[in-house]
Amino acid sequence: MKYPRVLIVTLGRINAADTDNNGLLLRNLFGAWPKENLAQIYSSGDNGDIGFFGQYYQLGPPERRLGRLFYRMKTEAHSIKDSSYANMAAKQSGTITARKSVIKQYIIDTGIYELIFRPRLSPNMLSWVNDFQPDIIFAQGYNLTFTWLPVMIKKKIDARLAFLTTDDWPTYLYSGQLGVQTTFKWIVRPVVNKATKYLLLYADVPFAFGQPMADEYTKRYKKNFIALSHADDPSRFEETATLRSHPSDIFTILAMGNFNEFRWPLLLDVNECCRLLNAQGIKARVAVLSAGIDPEGEYKLRKAEYIDIFQDPGHDRLPSYLKGADLLLLAEGFEAGFVSAIRFSVSSKSHLFMFSRRPILVYGHHDTGVIKYADAYNWGYTVKNRNVNELCKVITMILHNKDKNKKMIENAIKVAETFHVSQSNQLKFITALTMQ
């Protein structure tokens, strides 16, 4: 098969190895490509490894209007945002330096910075792009810079443009749905809408993440979107050994991934269920495998009596731990803004849970993408109200109803084999990219 030369123009660097969801997705989609046929323009997220693609170009001051001022402001803002307790105390003390940094972070969070420091095509970057000679430009958006930039490059070179997003950022970006400031929403949101329509107008190969998103985006943007899914190699799960987080006499409910402010409180609901089960003489605990938990959440989860936090075991060892659990938990969310943002999203953990051949429980609002997916194909139990009693009732049923568990697992395997096998997704992806 002839693999086109693809220039990936996306916000975060695709590293050789990390647990970032987008990194896992793109490493999977581009897994069969010759490395020399892949290059990326990115802004952040470099972990220092050799990278997954053949070559990289990181945006710098020459690629921004007022670029030196932008990168100085960004560095100072992030130093406060990610600072130690001592620096946070300095911020709260109201010093001039701290107040300036808070203002700079505010400008970034509201999106105003994107209008002030618009991207530009530097001679050095254009020379790098021309040397690579891409056949395809691959875009994902997620902020205004990376919505504008792929189109700007396409206008300069003879290449087709592909687009894929895994959630509905065109709806939530700078809208306030995820809790960010909305002071300049009236200025920034019309720009987001216009930039998104412009990007999709120029897209030659529009992809969507799952069929519901494909249907909605086809209607919204008047183009036929091709549905792709998260995928993996089933043999990784069939051949790996089984590892348990807890001793065999403990009913282990395993949750994994990144737990933001909307997700971690749901684990406390499960902790309460474990308390009730233990009071009945059923040993039950929650194992959380995570590389990222909201700071407040981590503090509270570590104090929870029946929750144990383990370090993320990494991509290669993860199947072993999933197979060793008694119940796999997908905790999504119930807050209205967050639910709206993920209504077309399918968790990057869903297919991994399906391949693990263990019962799956999805806990989230009825309008989240993963709840609708689980209900439509009956691959997991669902609890669609934030109600501890209802949650405990379903967990107790899973404990005792082995026949129904078996049927659910069989359904999950069928869904995984239909939509989530790497080889099938890769073939669909490259076929779409190579068709004229």
Protein backbone atom coordinates (compact mmCIF):
# COMPACT_ATOMS: atom_id res chain seq x y z
CA MET A 1 0.00 0.00 0.00
CA LYS A 2 1.21 3.50 -0.80
CA TYR A 3 1.11 5.73 2.25
CA PRO A 4 0.68 9.46 1.59
CA ARG A 5 2.95 12.02 3.21
CA VAL A 6 0.88 13.52 6.04
CA LEU A 7 1.54 16.79 7.87
CA ILE A 8 -0.26 16.67 11.22
CA VAL A 9 -1.08 20.21 12.40
CA THR A 10 -2.36 19.73 15.94
CA LEU A 11 -1.99 21.42 19.30
CA GLY A 12 -0.14 18.75 21.32
CA ARG A 13 2.96 16.85 20.24
CA ILE A 14 2.37 13.16 19.53
CA ASN A 15 5.11 11.58 21.59
CA ALA A 16 6.54 8.09 21.22
CA ALA A 17 4.86 7.09 24.48
CA ASP A 18 2.51 8.76 26.94
CA THR A 19 -1.03 8.27 28.25
CA ASP A 20 -2.56 11.25 26.48
CA ASN A 21 -5.83 10.17 24.84
CA ASN A 22 -5.15 11.98 21.58
CA GLY A 23 -1.67 10.51 21.44
CA LEU A 24 -3.08 7.01 21.82
CA LEU A 25 -5.61 7.68 19.07
CA LEU A 26 -3.19 9.09 16.51
CA ARG A 27 -0.47 6.54 17.22
CA ASN A 28 -3.11 3.92 16.52
CA LEU A 29 -4.45 5.51 13.31
CA PHE A 30 -0.96 6.16 11.91
CA GLY A 31 0.53 2.94 13.29
CA ALA A 32 1.24 1.35 9.89
CA TRP A 33 2.74 4.49 8.30
CA PRO A 34 6.44 4.77 7.46
CA LYS A 35 7.79 7.34 9.94
CA GLU A 36 9.44 9.34 7.15
CA ASN A 37 5.98 10.00 5.70
CA LEU A 38 4.73 11.68 8.88
CA ALA A 39 5.55 15.13 10.24
CA GLN A 40 3.92 17.38 12.81
CA ILE A 41 3.58 21.08 13.55
CA TYR A 42 2.64 21.49 17.21
CA SER A 43 2.62 24.00 20.05
CA SER A 44 3.11 22.14 23.33
CA GLY A 45 3.22 18.74 25.03
CA ASP A 46 6.81 17.71 24.24
CA ASN A 47 7.88 15.09 26.82
CA GLY A 48 11.43 14.90 25.52
CA ASP A 49 11.24 11.49 23.83
CA ILE A 50 12.08 10.83 20.17
CA GLY A 51 8.48 11.27 19.11
CA PHE A 52 6.17 9.04 17.09
CA PHE A 53 6.44 10.88 13.77
CA GLY A 54 9.46 11.31 11.53
CA GLN A 55 9.99 15.03 12.09
CA TYR A 56 8.57 17.91 14.08
CA TYR A 57 8.26 21.69 14.00
CA GLN A 58 7.32 23.51 17.21
CA LEU A 59 5.67 26.90 16.96
CA GLY A 60 7.74 29.73 18.39
CA PRO A 61 7.81 33.56 18.41
CA PRO A 62 8.24 33.83 14.60
CA GLU A 63 4.94 31.97 14.12
CA ARG A 64 2.90 34.48 16.16
CA ARG A 65 2.05 38.13 15.73
CA LEU A 66 3.87 39.82 18.65
CA GLY A 67 5.36 36.38 19.27
CA ARG A 68 8.04 37.29 21.82
CA LEU A 69 5.51 39.05 24.01
CA PHE A 70 3.12 36.09 23.70
CA TYR A 71 5.62 33.45 24.81
CA ARG A 72 6.87 35.58 27.68
CA MET A 73 3.29 36.11 28.86
CA LYS A 74 2.43 32.42 28.45
CA THR A 75 5.45 31.29 30.46
CA GLU A 76 4.70 33.66 33.32
CA ALA A 77 1.01 32.74 33.40
CA HIS A 78 1.70 29.01 33.51
CA SER A 79 4.31 29.46 36.24
CA ILE A 80 1.55 30.83 38.45
CA LYS A 81 -1.11 28.36 37.33
CA ASP A 82 1.13 25.35 37.99
CA SER A 83 3.03 26.82 40.92
CA SER A 84 3.89 25.40 44.30
CA TYR A 85 1.96 26.21 47.48
CA ALA A 86 4.42 28.99 48.23
CA ASN A 87 3.81 30.70 44.92
CA MET A 88 0.05 30.27 45.33
CA ALA A 89 0.33 31.99 48.70
CA ALA A 90 2.20 34.83 47.00
CA LYS A 91 -0.59 35.05 44.45
CA GLN A 92 -3.20 35.28 47.19
CA SER A 93 -1.21 37.96 48.97
CA GLY A 94 -2.01 40.35 46.13
CA THR A 95 1.53 41.30 45.08
CA ILE A 96 1.85 43.28 41.85
CA THR A 97 3.70 40.40 40.15
CA ALA A 98 1.03 37.91 41.16
CA ARG A 99 -1.80 40.16 40.01
CA LYS A 100 -0.13 40.61 36.63
CA SER A 101 0.24 36.87 36.21
CA VAL A 102 -3.42 36.29 37.10
CA ILE A 103 -4.44 38.86 34.48
CA LYS A 104 -2.24 37.16 31.89
CA GLN A 105 -3.78 33.78 32.67
CA TYR A 106 -7.23 35.35 32.41
CA ILE A 107 -6.43 36.64 28.92
CA ILE A 108 -5.36 33.13 27.91
CA ASP A 109 -8.38 31.36 29.46
CA THR A 110 -10.92 33.68 27.81
CA GLY A 111 -9.36 33.29 24.34
CA ILE A 112 -8.58 36.98 23.84
CA TYR A 113 -4.91 36.09 23.42
CA GLU A 114 -5.75 34.17 20.23
CA LEU A 115 -7.17 37.31 18.64
CA ILE A 116 -4.20 39.44 19.69
CA PHE A 117 -1.42 36.92 18.93
CA ARG A 118 -2.75 35.36 15.73
CA PRO A 119 -0.62 32.70 14.01
CA ARG A 120 1.54 33.60 11.04
CA LEU A 121 3.48 31.56 8.49
CA SER A 122 7.13 32.31 9.09
CA PRO A 123 9.60 31.83 6.19
CA ASN A 124 11.37 29.15 8.22
CA MET A 125 8.20 27.12 8.81
CA LEU A 126 7.09 27.43 5.18
CA SER A 127 10.50 26.24 4.04
CA TRP A 128 10.23 23.25 6.41
CA VAL A 129 6.74 22.42 5.08
CA ASN A 130 7.88 22.69 1.45
CA ASP A 131 10.85 20.42 2.13
CA PHE A 132 8.51 17.78 3.59
CA GLN A 133 6.10 18.06 0.62
CA PRO A 134 2.93 16.74 2.27
CA ASP A 135 0.13 15.15 0.30
CA ILE A 136 -2.31 15.59 3.21
CA ILE A 137 -2.65 18.18 5.97
CA PHE A 138 -4.33 16.62 9.04
CA ALA A 139 -6.14 19.03 11.39
CA GLN A 140 -8.02 18.70 14.66
CA GLY A 141 -8.65 22.27 15.83
CA TYR A 142 -9.31 22.59 19.59
CA ASN A 143 -8.22 26.23 19.65
CA LEU A 144 -8.34 29.10 17.17
CA THR A 145 -4.65 28.90 16.28
CA PHE A 146 -4.94 25.30 15.14
CA THR A 147 -8.23 26.03 13.40
CA TRP A 148 -6.70 28.82 11.31
CA LEU A 149 -3.23 27.36 10.73
CA PRO A 150 -4.11 24.27 8.61
CA VAL A 151 -6.12 26.42 6.19
CA MET A 152 -3.32 28.98 6.01
CA ILE A 153 -0.87 26.22 5.07
CA LYS A 154 -3.26 24.62 2.58
CA LYS A 155 -3.53 27.92 0.71
CA LYS A 156 0.24 27.96 0.27
CA ILE A 157 0.82 24.37 -0.89
CA ASP A 158 -0.85 21.76 -3.09
CA ALA A 159 -2.20 19.37 -0.44
CA ARG A 160 -5.58 18.02 0.61
CA LEU A 161 -6.95 18.76 4.07
CA ALA A 162 -8.31 16.11 6.49
CA PHE A 163 -10.11 16.86 9.75
CA LEU A 164 -10.86 14.76 12.85
CA THR A 165 -12.01 15.75 16.32
CA THR A 166 -12.94 13.48 19.21
CA ASP A 167 -15.32 15.89 20.94
CA ASP A 168 -17.50 18.87 20.09
CA TRP A 169 -14.99 21.67 20.75
CA PRO A 170 -16.65 23.90 18.08
CA THR A 171 -19.58 24.16 20.53
CA TYR A 172 -17.74 24.54 23.84
CA LEU A 173 -14.52 26.44 22.98
CA TYR A 174 -14.50 29.71 24.98
CA SER A 175 -18.25 29.31 25.61
CA GLY A 176 -18.02 28.90 29.40
CA GLN A 177 -19.44 25.35 29.35
CA LEU A 178 -16.36 23.94 31.07
CA GLY A 179 -16.20 26.61 33.74
CA VAL A 180 -13.87 29.15 32.07
CA GLN A 181 -14.51 32.89 32.19
CA THR A 182 -17.09 34.23 29.74
CA THR A 183 -16.34 37.97 29.88
CA PHE A 184 -15.23 38.08 26.23
CA LYS A 185 -17.50 35.31 24.98
CA TRP A 186 -19.47 37.80 22.85
CA ILE A 187 -16.24 38.68 21.00
CA VAL A 188 -14.52 35.30 20.78
CA ARG A 189 -17.42 32.91 20.07
CA PRO A 190 -18.39 34.47 16.70
CA VAL A 191 -14.73 34.15 15.66
CA VAL A 192 -14.72 30.48 16.69
CA ASN A 193 -17.87 29.79 14.68
CA LYS A 194 -16.51 31.53 11.59
CA ALA A 195 -13.09 29.83 11.84
CA THR A 196 -14.68 26.39 12.27
CA LYS A 197 -16.93 26.82 9.25
CA TYR A 198 -13.93 28.02 7.25
CA LEU A 199 -11.86 24.99 8.28
CA LEU A 200 -14.66 22.59 7.38
CA LEU A 201 -15.27 24.40 4.09
CA TYR A 202 -11.68 23.65 3.07
CA ALA A 203 -11.67 20.09 4.47
CA ASP A 204 -11.41 17.52 1.67
CA VAL A 205 -11.63 14.48 4.00
CA PRO A 206 -13.85 15.14 7.04
CA PHE A 207 -13.77 12.48 9.77
CA ALA A 208 -15.97 12.26 12.87
CA PHE A 209 -15.55 10.30 16.07
CA GLY A 210 -18.33 7.72 16.04
CA GLN A 211 -21.58 7.60 14.12
CA PRO A 212 -23.61 10.04 16.28
CA MET A 213 -20.99 12.76 15.72
CA ALA A 214 -20.81 11.88 12.02
CA ASP A 215 -24.59 12.28 11.71
CA GLU A 216 -24.65 15.58 13.61
CA TYR A 217 -21.64 17.07 11.79
CA THR A 218 -22.97 16.00 8.38
CA LYS A 219 -26.14 17.92 9.17
CA ARG A 220 -24.37 20.88 10.76
CA TYR A 221 -21.57 21.43 8.23
CA LYS A 222 -23.22 20.07 5.06
CA LYS A 223 -20.48 17.51 4.37
CA ASN A 224 -20.41 13.73 4.60
CA PHE A 225 -18.31 12.78 7.62
CA ILE A 226 -16.60 9.39 7.87
CA ALA A 227 -16.93 7.75 11.31
CA LEU A 228 -13.81 6.45 13.08
CA SER A 229 -13.42 5.02 16.58
CA HIS A 230 -10.81 4.42 19.26
CA ALA A 231 -9.21 1.06 18.50
CA ASP A 232 -6.70 -1.49 19.73
CA ASP A 233 -5.25 -4.89 18.89
CA PRO A 234 -7.41 -7.63 20.49
CA SER A 235 -4.41 -9.95 20.80
CA ARG A 236 -2.93 -7.63 23.45
CA PHE A 237 -5.78 -8.66 25.73
CA GLU A 238 -5.95 -12.32 24.71
CA GLU A 239 -2.26 -13.02 25.27
CA THR A 240 -1.50 -11.00 28.40
CA ALA A 241 -1.36 -12.40 31.93
CA THR A 242 -3.98 -11.41 34.50
CA LEU A 243 -2.90 -9.11 37.35
CA ARG A 244 -5.07 -8.09 40.29
CA SER A 245 -4.86 -4.77 42.10
CA HIS A 246 -6.24 -6.37 45.28
CA PRO A 247 -6.23 -9.90 46.76
CA SER A 248 -8.69 -12.37 45.21
CA ASP A 249 -11.13 -12.20 48.15
CA ILE A 250 -11.80 -8.49 47.49
CA PHE A 251 -14.39 -7.44 44.91
CA THR A 252 -12.33 -4.94 42.91
CA ILE A 253 -14.05 -2.09 41.07
CA LEU A 254 -11.43 -0.62 38.75
CA ALA A 255 -11.53 2.91 37.31
CA MET A 256 -8.81 4.44 35.14
CA GLY A 257 -7.89 7.56 33.21
CA ASN A 258 -7.73 11.25 34.02
CA PHE A 259 -10.19 12.46 36.64
CA ASN A 260 -11.07 16.13 36.25
CA GLU A 261 -13.32 18.19 38.53
CA PHE A 262 -16.42 16.68 36.92
CA ARG A 263 -15.39 13.02 37.20
CA TRP A 264 -13.59 12.46 40.50
CA PRO A 265 -16.63 13.21 42.73
CA LEU A 266 -18.35 10.17 41.20
CA LEU A 267 -15.66 7.93 42.67
CA LEU A 268 -16.73 9.07 46.13
CA ASP A 269 -20.22 7.77 45.31
CA VAL A 270 -18.67 4.38 44.56
CA ASN A 271 -16.68 4.61 47.79
CA GLU A 272 -20.00 4.96 49.64
CA CYS A 273 -21.31 1.85 47.87
CA CYS A 274 -18.23 -0.05 49.00
CA ARG A 275 -18.88 1.09 52.57
CA LEU A 276 -22.41 -0.34 52.38
CA LEU A 277 -21.17 -3.60 50.84
CA ASN A 278 -18.50 -4.04 53.49
CA ALA A 279 -21.14 -3.48 56.18
CA GLN A 280 -22.95 -6.48 54.66
CA GLY A 281 -19.77 -8.59 54.86
CA ILE A 282 -18.81 -8.18 51.17
CA LYS A 283 -15.23 -6.99 50.84
CA ALA A 284 -15.21 -4.38 48.09
CA ARG A 285 -12.70 -1.69 47.14
CA VAL A 286 -12.06 0.74 44.30
CA ALA A 287 -8.75 0.67 42.41
CA VAL A 288 -7.98 3.90 40.58
CA LEU A 289 -5.27 3.71 37.92
CA SER A 290 -4.49 7.28 36.95
CA ALA A 291 -1.77 9.55 35.63
CA GLY A 292 -3.79 12.67 36.38
CA ILE A 293 -6.33 13.65 39.04
CA ASP A 294 -7.58 17.14 39.83
CA PRO A 295 -5.55 18.26 42.93
CA GLU A 296 -8.59 18.71 45.16
CA GLY A 297 -9.91 15.37 43.96
CA GLU A 298 -6.68 13.53 44.68
CA TYR A 299 -6.65 14.89 48.23
CA LYS A 300 -10.22 13.74 48.88
CA LEU A 301 -9.85 10.39 47.12
CA ARG A 302 -6.77 9.51 49.15
CA LYS A 303 -8.78 10.13 52.32
CA ALA A 304 -11.63 7.87 51.13
CA GLU A 305 -11.73 4.65 53.13
CA TYR A 306 -12.33 2.20 50.28
CA ILE A 307 -10.37 3.83 47.42
CA ASP A 308 -6.79 2.93 46.51
CA ILE A 309 -4.91 5.05 43.97
CA PHE A 310 -2.29 3.29 41.87
CA GLN A 311 0.09 4.75 39.33
CA ASP A 312 -0.94 4.29 35.73
CA PRO A 313 0.74 0.99 34.69
CA GLY A 314 1.30 2.20 31.13
CA HIS A 315 -0.11 1.12 27.79
CA ASP A 316 1.61 -2.28 27.61
CA ARG A 317 0.68 -3.53 31.09
CA LEU A 318 -2.80 -2.03 31.28
CA PRO A 319 -4.67 -5.02 29.75
CA SER A 320 -3.38 -7.27 32.54
CA TYR A 321 -4.87 -5.05 35.25
CA LEU A 322 -8.16 -4.62 33.41
CA LYS A 323 -8.52 -8.40 33.09
CA GLY A 324 -7.82 -8.75 36.83
CA ALA A 325 -10.72 -6.52 37.93
CA ASP A 326 -14.15 -7.79 38.97
CA LEU A 327 -15.95 -4.72 37.61
CA LEU A 328 -14.74 -1.95 35.28
CA LEU A 329 -16.13 1.51 35.99
CA LEU A 330 -16.54 4.38 33.51
CA ALA A 331 -17.27 7.52 35.55
CA GLU A 332 -18.36 10.27 33.16
CA GLY A 333 -20.18 13.26 34.69
CA PHE A 334 -23.45 15.01 35.41
CA GLU A 335 -22.66 18.76 35.32
CA ALA A 336 -24.63 20.38 32.48
CA GLY A 337 -21.79 22.21 30.72
CA PHE A 338 -19.49 19.21 30.82
CA VAL A 339 -22.23 16.88 29.62
CA SER A 340 -22.91 19.18 26.65
CA ALA A 341 -19.21 19.15 25.75
CA ILE A 342 -18.99 15.32 25.69
CA ARG A 343 -22.40 14.46 24.23
CA PHE A 344 -20.75 13.05 21.08
CA SER A 345 -17.66 11.69 22.81
CA VAL A 346 -16.92 8.05 23.54
CA SER A 347 -14.43 7.47 26.33
CA SER A 348 -11.01 6.28 25.24
CA LYS A 349 -11.40 3.57 27.89
CA SER A 350 -14.61 2.05 26.50
CA HIS A 351 -13.04 -0.24 23.92
CA LEU A 352 -10.25 -1.27 26.31
CA PHE A 353 -12.88 -2.36 28.82
CA MET A 354 -14.77 -4.26 26.09
CA PHE A 355 -11.68 -6.23 25.06
CA SER A 356 -10.97 -7.10 28.72
CA ARG A 357 -14.00 -9.42 29.01
CA ARG A 358 -15.08 -8.06 32.39
CA PRO A 359 -18.46 -6.54 33.38
CA ILE A 360 -18.64 -2.79 32.67
CA LEU A 361 -20.59 -0.13 34.57
CA VAL A 362 -21.07 3.36 33.06
CA TYR A 363 -22.04 6.08 35.55
CA GLY A 364 -23.05 9.37 33.93
CA HIS A 365 -25.74 11.66 32.61
CA HIS A 366 -28.11 10.16 30.03
CA ASP A 367 -26.97 12.68 27.37
CA THR A 368 -23.26 11.77 27.48
CA GLY A 369 -22.00 9.98 24.40
CA VAL A 370 -20.73 6.92 26.22
CA ILE A 371 -24.01 6.33 28.10
CA LYS A 372 -25.96 6.50 24.84
CA TYR A 373 -23.45 4.14 23.23
CA ALA A 374 -23.67 1.60 26.06
CA ASP A 375 -27.47 1.66 26.01
CA ALA A 376 -27.69 1.38 22.23
CA TYR A 377 -25.51 -1.75 22.04
CA ASN A 378 -26.04 -3.15 25.56
CA TRP A 379 -22.31 -3.61 26.24
CA GLY A 380 -22.41 -2.22 29.77
CA TYR A 381 -24.69 -1.57 32.72
CA THR A 382 -25.67 2.11 33.00
CA VAL A 383 -26.67 4.36 35.89
CA LYS A 384 -27.97 7.62 34.47
CA ASN A 385 -28.86 9.46 37.68
CA ARG A 386 -26.41 10.65 40.30
CA ASN A 387 -27.93 8.54 43.03
CA VAL A 388 -25.87 6.44 45.41
CA ASN A 389 -28.75 4.07 46.22
CA GLU A 390 -29.38 3.37 42.53
CA LEU A 391 -25.65 2.93 41.93
CA CYS A 392 -25.33 0.47 44.83
CA LYS A 393 -28.34 -1.50 43.62
CA VAL A 394 -26.74 -2.02 40.20
CA ILE A 395 -23.34 -2.94 41.67
CA THR A 396 -25.04 -5.50 43.95
CA MET A 397 -26.87 -6.96 40.94
CA ILE A 398 -23.57 -7.30 39.08
CA LEU A 399 -22.09 -9.09 42.08
CA HIS A 400 -24.76 -11.79 41.96
CA ASN A 401 -26.10 -12.01 38.39
CA LYS A 402 -23.44 -14.04 36.61
CA ASP A 403 -25.68 -14.97 33.67
CA LYS A 404 -26.49 -11.37 32.80
CA ASN A 405 -22.81 -10.44 33.20
CA LYS A 406 -21.90 -13.14 30.69
CA LYS A 407 -24.42 -11.79 28.18
CA MET A 408 -23.14 -8.24 28.62
CA ILE A 409 -19.56 -9.38 28.08
CA GLU A 410 -20.56 -11.23 24.90
CA ASN A 411 -22.23 -8.05 23.61
CA ALA A 412 -19.16 -5.98 24.46
CA ILE A 413 -16.87 -8.30 22.52
CA LYS A 414 -19.15 -8.13 19.46
CA VAL A 415 -19.14 -4.32 19.59
CA ALA A 416 -15.37 -4.21 20.05
CA GLU A 417 -14.78 -6.53 17.11
CA THR A 418 -17.18 -4.53 14.92
CA PHE A 419 -15.96 -1.00 15.63
CA HIS A 420 -12.73 -1.01 17.63
CA VAL A 421 -10.15 -3.27 15.97
CA SER A 422 -7.04 -1.32 14.96
CA GLN A 423 -6.54 -2.99 11.61
CA SER A 424 -10.09 -2.18 10.46
CA ASN A 425 -9.90 1.46 11.55
CA GLN A 426 -6.49 1.93 9.97
CA LEU A 427 -7.73 0.51 6.66
CA LYS A 428 -10.79 2.78 6.71
CA PHE A 429 -8.57 5.76 7.55
CA ILE A 430 -5.96 5.27 4.84
CA THR A 431 -8.58 4.39 2.23
CA ALA A 432 -10.30 7.73 2.86
CA LEU A 433 -7.02 9.64 2.75
CA THR A 434 -5.89 8.09 -0.54
CA MET A 435 -9.18 8.42 -2.44
CA GLN A 436 -9.31 11.42 -4.78
